[in-house]
Amino acid sequence: MPSHSAKKWRFGPTGHRITPSVYPHHPLHPFFARQPVRAGHTTPPHYAGAMSDDDVLESRSDDPEEPGDRRDLVPEGTGAGTTEAGDAAYRPAVIDLLGALAYGELMAFSQLAADAEMAPSQPAKAAVARLAVAEFHHYEAITQRLREMGVDPNAAVEPFVASFDAYHERTSPSTYLEGLVKAYVGDGIAQDFYREIAAYVDAPTRQLVEAAMSDMGQAEFVVREVRAATKADPRVSGRLALWGRRLVGEALTQAQRVGVERDALSSLLVGAPGRPGADLAELGRMFARLTDEHTRRMARLGLSA
């Protein structure tokens, strides 16, 4: 890990220093630092009072929170109720969220279908193809919700096509194992990010996001395949570890680009008048959770993060 003895400070919207110890490798934080403070920004109730802004900005917990059901993080008045109160930004934000998820699921299907062609055996090919089919079912569920909202799914996904395609071009796997690691690690970072955003939407939308991000057995399958390969040839471990590090950087850059380009989507996290969002301290904890979960995934694969 690089030394941070010579600190380069950034300043968040409240004037707090954002230390490199909290954000060592996150290209997302300049996006959040540029966001204006809006009335009503809060730390979600689950975390309220746990740490001050200065505490979380100057240190990271050695006991990271385990991922799980975070429905209790939704602030009072967030979600469907805010649309009734006249929050004009909420509906476009949800459309953006579902559009991004839909195209992400479609691309996951396409990538896994290509990965299946590189599988070394018929059982492995069938297993990866099964995962691809599940991703396509998620795509269909999300686009159906968009239709129920009176939205053309093609129009909803269009803003994300160019950036998502560019990400997949930059991270195109050259081997079967690289494809599996990408599906588990690279897509996992994106899924974690969308779960964080889903803490600030209405219950039906949140349930749809959680269902689309659910593990369909891919974690167990990928871990088994990668560990078997590295046991058979330990040299594979180093190459896949480097690949995993590249994927996390690309995935975070991708999330930054989407957030910067789509103000409506970013407003789900940072809030809007009358709809509380995450404050700077909670954003710091969010980055810590993303990093910790990535580290856990790499450890499950037997790879160094």
Foldseek 3Di string as FASTA:
>chain_A
DDDCPPWDWDAAQVRDTQTCQLVVQFPQVVVRRPDHADPFADFFPVCPPVDDLVVLRVDDDPDADDDDDLLSRADPCFAPNVVVVPPPLQVLQLLLLLLQLLVVLLVLLVLLLVLLVQDPDPVSSVVSNVVSVLSVVLSVVSCVVCVVVVHHSVVSNVVPVVLVVVLCVVQPDPHSLSSLLCSQQLVLLVLLVSLVLLSRYDDVSNVSSCVSSDDPCSLVVSLVVLLVVCVVPVVVQVVSLVSSVVSVSSSSVSVSVSCNVDVSNVCSAPHDVSRYHHDSSNVSSSSVNSVVVSCVSCVSSVHGD
